[in-house]
Amino acid sequence: MQNQPNPNAQQQTRQIQIKVTDEIMRGVYANAMSVVHSKEEFTLDFMNIYPHQGAGIVTGRIIISPGHMKRIISALQDNIKKYENQFGKIEEAQAPEPIGFKTV
């Protein structure tokens, strides 16, 4: 006998509880971001750069699949539209002067 798909399966939603540690809940500041990629993944490094001190630190690194990157970009674009509808147009910040990075 063949297995029949459950017609109610799509209507049932599974709830997942997500826990956030206090350290993650605090968040971190980033004033720069670097993106590199390979065929299999994107790596986003969020950094806090101190230009006057000639130093900086990576405050977070996210490694994601290309398909998930597309969904993130879509979600960000959707949220920018919602933000601008509520608060007004966001003016794009002027790009900083190029900074050479030296990894230590």
N, C-alpha and C. Protein backbone atom coordinates (compact mmCIF):
# COMPACT_ATOMS: atom_id res chain seq x y z
N MET A 1 0.83 -1.17 0.00
CA MET A 1 0.00 0.00 0.00
C MET A 1 0.89 1.25 0.00
N GLN A 2 0.54 2.19 -0.83
CA GLN A 2 1.31 3.41 -0.97
C GLN A 2 0.96 4.41 0.13
N ASN A 3 1.98 5.14 0.62
CA ASN A 3 1.72 6.18 1.62
C ASN A 3 1.05 7.37 0.95
N GLN A 4 -0.04 7.80 1.50
CA GLN A 4 -0.76 8.96 1.00
C GLN A 4 -0.33 10.20 1.79
N PRO A 5 -0.09 11.32 1.11
CA PRO A 5 0.26 12.53 1.85
C PRO A 5 -0.90 12.96 2.75
N ASN A 6 -0.56 13.47 3.90
CA ASN A 6 -1.55 13.95 4.85
C ASN A 6 -2.05 15.32 4.40
N PRO A 7 -3.35 15.46 4.05
CA PRO A 7 -3.83 16.76 3.57
C PRO A 7 -3.79 17.84 4.64
N ASN A 8 -3.74 17.45 5.90
CA ASN A 8 -3.67 18.43 7.00
C ASN A 8 -2.24 18.82 7.35
N ALA A 9 -1.26 18.17 6.73
CA ALA A 9 0.15 18.41 7.08
C ALA A 9 0.55 19.86 6.84
N GLN A 10 0.04 20.47 5.77
CA GLN A 10 0.42 21.85 5.48
C GLN A 10 -0.21 22.81 6.47
N GLN A 11 -1.35 22.44 7.05
CA GLN A 11 -2.04 23.32 7.98
C GLN A 11 -1.40 23.27 9.37
N GLN A 12 -0.71 22.19 9.68
CA GLN A 12 -0.08 22.06 10.99
C GLN A 12 1.25 22.81 10.98
N THR A 13 1.42 23.67 11.96
CA THR A 13 2.70 24.38 12.07
C THR A 13 3.41 23.92 13.33
N ARG A 14 4.68 23.74 13.19
CA ARG A 14 5.51 23.31 14.30
C ARG A 14 6.13 24.54 14.94
N GLN A 15 6.00 24.68 16.22
CA GLN A 15 6.58 25.81 16.92
C GLN A 15 7.93 25.42 17.48
N ILE A 16 8.90 26.30 17.27
CA ILE A 16 10.25 26.09 17.77
C ILE A 16 10.57 27.21 18.75
N GLN A 17 10.99 26.85 19.94
CA GLN A 17 11.38 27.85 20.92
C GLN A 17 12.85 28.19 20.72
N ILE A 18 13.13 29.46 20.58
CA ILE A 18 14.49 29.95 20.38
C ILE A 18 14.95 30.61 21.68
N LYS A 19 16.10 30.19 22.19
CA LYS A 19 16.67 30.79 23.39
C LYS A 19 17.80 31.73 22.97
N VAL A 20 17.89 32.84 23.64
CA VAL A 20 18.94 33.82 23.38
C VAL A 20 19.71 34.03 24.68
N THR A 21 21.02 33.83 24.61
CA THR A 21 21.84 34.06 25.81
C THR A 21 21.90 35.56 26.10
N ASP A 22 22.23 35.90 27.33
CA ASP A 22 22.34 37.31 27.70
C ASP A 22 23.39 38.02 26.85
N GLU A 23 24.49 37.34 26.57
CA GLU A 23 25.55 37.94 25.77
C GLU A 23 25.06 38.29 24.37
N ILE A 24 24.33 37.39 23.74
CA ILE A 24 23.79 37.64 22.40
C ILE A 24 22.69 38.71 22.48
N MET A 25 21.88 38.66 23.51
CA MET A 25 20.78 39.62 23.67
C MET A 25 21.28 41.06 23.71
N ARG A 26 22.47 41.27 24.31
CA ARG A 26 23.04 42.62 24.39
C ARG A 26 23.33 43.19 23.01
N GLY A 27 23.72 42.33 22.09
CA GLY A 27 24.09 42.81 20.76
C GLY A 27 25.49 43.39 20.74
N VAL A 28 25.98 43.67 19.57
CA VAL A 28 27.29 44.29 19.41
C VAL A 28 27.18 45.38 18.34
N TYR A 29 28.03 46.36 18.43
CA TYR A 29 28.04 47.46 17.48
C TYR A 29 28.96 47.11 16.31
N ALA A 30 28.55 47.47 15.12
CA ALA A 30 29.40 47.31 13.94
C ALA A 30 29.25 48.55 13.07
N ASN A 31 30.37 49.10 12.64
CA ASN A 31 30.33 50.24 11.74
C ASN A 31 30.93 49.91 10.38
N ALA A 32 31.23 48.62 10.18
CA ALA A 32 31.75 48.17 8.89
C ALA A 32 31.39 46.69 8.72
N MET A 33 31.39 46.27 7.46
CA MET A 33 31.10 44.87 7.17
C MET A 33 31.92 44.44 5.95
N SER A 34 32.39 43.24 5.99
CA SER A 34 33.12 42.65 4.88
C SER A 34 32.37 41.39 4.45
N VAL A 35 32.23 41.20 3.14
CA VAL A 35 31.55 40.02 2.62
C VAL A 35 32.50 39.30 1.67
N VAL A 36 32.68 38.01 1.89
CA VAL A 36 33.42 37.16 0.96
C VAL A 36 32.55 35.94 0.70
N HIS A 37 32.81 35.29 -0.42
CA HIS A 37 31.99 34.12 -0.74
C HIS A 37 32.77 33.09 -1.54
N SER A 38 32.29 31.88 -1.44
CA SER A 38 32.73 30.78 -2.29
C SER A 38 31.46 30.24 -2.94
N LYS A 39 31.58 29.18 -3.70
CA LYS A 39 30.40 28.61 -4.33
C LYS A 39 29.40 28.11 -3.28
N GLU A 40 29.89 27.66 -2.15
CA GLU A 40 29.05 27.02 -1.13
C GLU A 40 28.52 27.95 -0.05
N GLU A 41 29.19 29.10 0.18
CA GLU A 41 28.77 29.92 1.32
C GLU A 41 29.19 31.37 1.18
N PHE A 42 28.48 32.21 1.93
CA PHE A 42 28.83 33.61 2.10
C PHE A 42 29.32 33.78 3.54
N THR A 43 30.36 34.57 3.73
CA THR A 43 30.84 34.89 5.07
C THR A 43 30.74 36.40 5.24
N LEU A 44 30.00 36.81 6.26
CA LEU A 44 29.82 38.22 6.57
C LEU A 44 30.54 38.49 7.89
N ASP A 45 31.53 39.36 7.84
CA ASP A 45 32.23 39.79 9.05
C ASP A 45 31.75 41.20 9.40
N PHE A 46 31.19 41.35 10.59
CA PHE A 46 30.78 42.66 11.09
C PHE A 46 31.90 43.16 11.99
N MET A 47 32.29 44.41 11.77
CA MET A 47 33.47 44.94 12.44
C MET A 47 33.19 46.28 13.11
N ASN A 48 33.97 46.57 14.10
CA ASN A 48 33.99 47.89 14.73
C ASN A 48 35.38 48.45 14.44
N ILE A 49 35.43 49.44 13.57
CA ILE A 49 36.69 50.03 13.12
C ILE A 49 36.95 51.33 13.87
N TYR A 50 38.17 51.49 14.36
CA TYR A 50 38.61 52.71 15.03
C TYR A 50 39.64 53.38 14.14
N PRO A 51 39.21 54.20 13.17
CA PRO A 51 40.15 54.76 12.19
C PRO A 51 41.28 55.58 12.80
N HIS A 52 40.99 56.34 13.85
CA HIS A 52 42.03 57.20 14.45
C HIS A 52 43.09 56.38 15.19
N GLN A 53 42.73 55.17 15.57
CA GLN A 53 43.68 54.30 16.25
C GLN A 53 44.33 53.31 15.29
N GLY A 54 43.85 53.30 14.04
CA GLY A 54 44.39 52.37 13.06
C GLY A 54 44.14 50.92 13.45
N ALA A 55 42.99 50.68 14.09
CA ALA A 55 42.70 49.34 14.58
C ALA A 55 41.21 49.05 14.44
N GLY A 56 40.87 47.80 14.59
CA GLY A 56 39.48 47.39 14.55
C GLY A 56 39.36 45.97 15.07
N ILE A 57 38.12 45.52 15.24
CA ILE A 57 37.87 44.17 15.73
C ILE A 57 36.63 43.61 15.04
N VAL A 58 36.66 42.33 14.73
CA VAL A 58 35.48 41.65 14.21
C VAL A 58 34.58 41.36 15.40
N THR A 59 33.37 41.90 15.37
CA THR A 59 32.44 41.71 16.48
C THR A 59 31.47 40.56 16.23
N GLY A 60 31.37 40.11 14.97
CA GLY A 60 30.51 38.98 14.67
C GLY A 60 30.80 38.43 13.29
N ARG A 61 30.66 37.13 13.14
CA ARG A 61 30.86 36.48 11.84
C ARG A 61 29.67 35.56 11.59
N ILE A 62 29.06 35.73 10.43
CA ILE A 62 27.92 34.91 10.03
C ILE A 62 28.31 34.19 8.74
N ILE A 63 28.13 32.87 8.73
CA ILE A 63 28.42 32.06 7.54
C ILE A 63 27.10 31.43 7.11
N ILE A 64 26.69 31.69 5.88
CA ILE A 64 25.38 31.24 5.40
C ILE A 64 25.45 30.70 3.98
N SER A 65 24.45 29.92 3.62
CA SER A 65 24.38 29.36 2.27
C SER A 65 23.90 30.45 1.29
N PRO A 66 24.21 30.30 0.00
CA PRO A 66 23.76 31.28 -0.99
C PRO A 66 22.23 31.43 -1.02
N GLY A 67 21.51 30.31 -0.89
CA GLY A 67 20.05 30.39 -0.90
C GLY A 67 19.52 31.18 0.28
N HIS A 68 20.12 30.99 1.43
CA HIS A 68 19.69 31.73 2.62
C HIS A 68 20.06 33.22 2.48
N MET A 69 21.20 33.50 1.85
CA MET A 69 21.61 34.88 1.62
C MET A 69 20.56 35.62 0.81
N LYS A 70 20.01 34.95 -0.21
CA LYS A 70 18.96 35.56 -1.03
C LYS A 70 17.74 35.89 -0.18
N ARG A 71 17.36 34.98 0.73
CA ARG A 71 16.20 35.23 1.60
C ARG A 71 16.48 36.38 2.56
N ILE A 72 17.71 36.47 3.04
CA ILE A 72 18.07 37.57 3.94
C ILE A 72 17.97 38.91 3.20
N ILE A 73 18.49 38.97 1.99
CA ILE A 73 18.43 40.21 1.21
C ILE A 73 16.97 40.61 0.97
N SER A 74 16.13 39.65 0.64
CA SER A 74 14.72 39.92 0.43
C SER A 74 14.06 40.45 1.70
N ALA A 75 14.37 39.84 2.84
CA ALA A 75 13.80 40.29 4.11
C ALA A 75 14.29 41.70 4.46
N LEU A 76 15.56 41.99 4.20
CA LEU A 76 16.10 43.33 4.47
C LEU A 76 15.43 44.37 3.58
N GLN A 77 15.25 44.06 2.28
CA GLN A 77 14.59 44.99 1.37
C GLN A 77 13.16 45.26 1.82
N ASP A 78 12.45 44.21 2.24
CA ASP A 78 11.09 44.35 2.72
C ASP A 78 11.04 45.24 3.96
N ASN A 79 11.98 45.05 4.87
CA ASN A 79 12.00 45.85 6.10
C ASN A 79 12.40 47.29 5.84
N ILE A 80 13.28 47.52 4.88
CA ILE A 80 13.63 48.91 4.51
C ILE A 80 12.38 49.62 3.99
N LYS A 81 11.61 48.96 3.13
CA LYS A 81 10.37 49.56 2.62
C LYS A 81 9.41 49.89 3.76
N LYS A 82 9.23 48.95 4.68
CA LYS A 82 8.34 49.17 5.82
C LYS A 82 8.83 50.33 6.68
N TYR A 83 10.13 50.38 6.93
CA TYR A 83 10.72 51.45 7.73
C TYR A 83 10.46 52.80 7.06
N GLU A 84 10.76 52.89 5.75
CA GLU A 84 10.60 54.16 5.03
C GLU A 84 9.13 54.57 4.95
N ASN A 85 8.23 53.62 4.84
CA ASN A 85 6.80 53.96 4.85
C ASN A 85 6.38 54.55 6.19
N GLN A 86 6.99 54.10 7.26
CA GLN A 86 6.64 54.58 8.59
C GLN A 86 7.39 55.84 9.00
N PHE A 87 8.70 55.91 8.66
CA PHE A 87 9.54 56.98 9.17
C PHE A 87 10.10 57.92 8.11
N GLY A 88 9.93 57.62 6.86
CA GLY A 88 10.46 58.46 5.79
C GLY A 88 11.71 57.86 5.15
N LYS A 89 12.09 58.45 4.03
CA LYS A 89 13.20 57.93 3.24
C LYS A 89 14.51 57.95 4.01
N ILE A 90 15.25 56.88 3.87
CA ILE A 90 16.59 56.78 4.46
C ILE A 90 17.58 57.27 3.41
N GLU A 91 18.39 58.24 3.78
CA GLU A 91 19.44 58.71 2.89
C GLU A 91 20.65 57.80 3.04
N GLU A 92 21.16 57.32 1.94
CA GLU A 92 22.33 56.44 1.98
C GLU A 92 23.54 57.21 2.46
N ALA A 93 24.26 56.66 3.40
CA ALA A 93 25.45 57.30 3.94
C ALA A 93 26.56 57.31 2.90
N GLN A 94 27.38 58.31 2.95
CA GLN A 94 28.52 58.39 2.05
C GLN A 94 29.49 57.26 2.39
N ALA A 95 29.99 56.60 1.38
CA ALA A 95 30.93 55.51 1.61
C ALA A 95 32.22 56.06 2.21
N PRO A 96 32.77 55.34 3.18
CA PRO A 96 34.03 55.80 3.78
C PRO A 96 35.19 55.60 2.80
N GLU A 97 36.28 56.27 3.11
CA GLU A 97 37.48 56.07 2.29
C GLU A 97 37.91 54.62 2.42
N PRO A 98 38.48 54.05 1.36
CA PRO A 98 38.92 52.65 1.45
C PRO A 98 39.91 52.46 2.58
N ILE A 99 39.73 51.34 3.28
CA ILE A 99 40.61 50.98 4.39
C ILE A 99 41.26 49.65 4.05
N GLY A 100 42.53 49.57 4.18
CA GLY A 100 43.21 48.29 4.00
C GLY A 100 43.14 47.49 5.29
N PHE A 101 42.78 46.23 5.18
CA PHE A 101 42.67 45.39 6.37
C PHE A 101 43.89 44.50 6.49
N LYS A 102 44.39 44.38 7.70
CA LYS A 102 45.48 43.47 8.00
C LYS A 102 44.98 42.57 9.11
N THR A 103 44.83 41.29 8.81
CA THR A 103 44.31 40.33 9.79
C THR A 103 45.39 39.91 10.74
N VAL A 104 45.07 39.95 12.04
CA VAL A 104 46.02 39.48 13.07
C VAL A 104 45.38 38.42 13.93
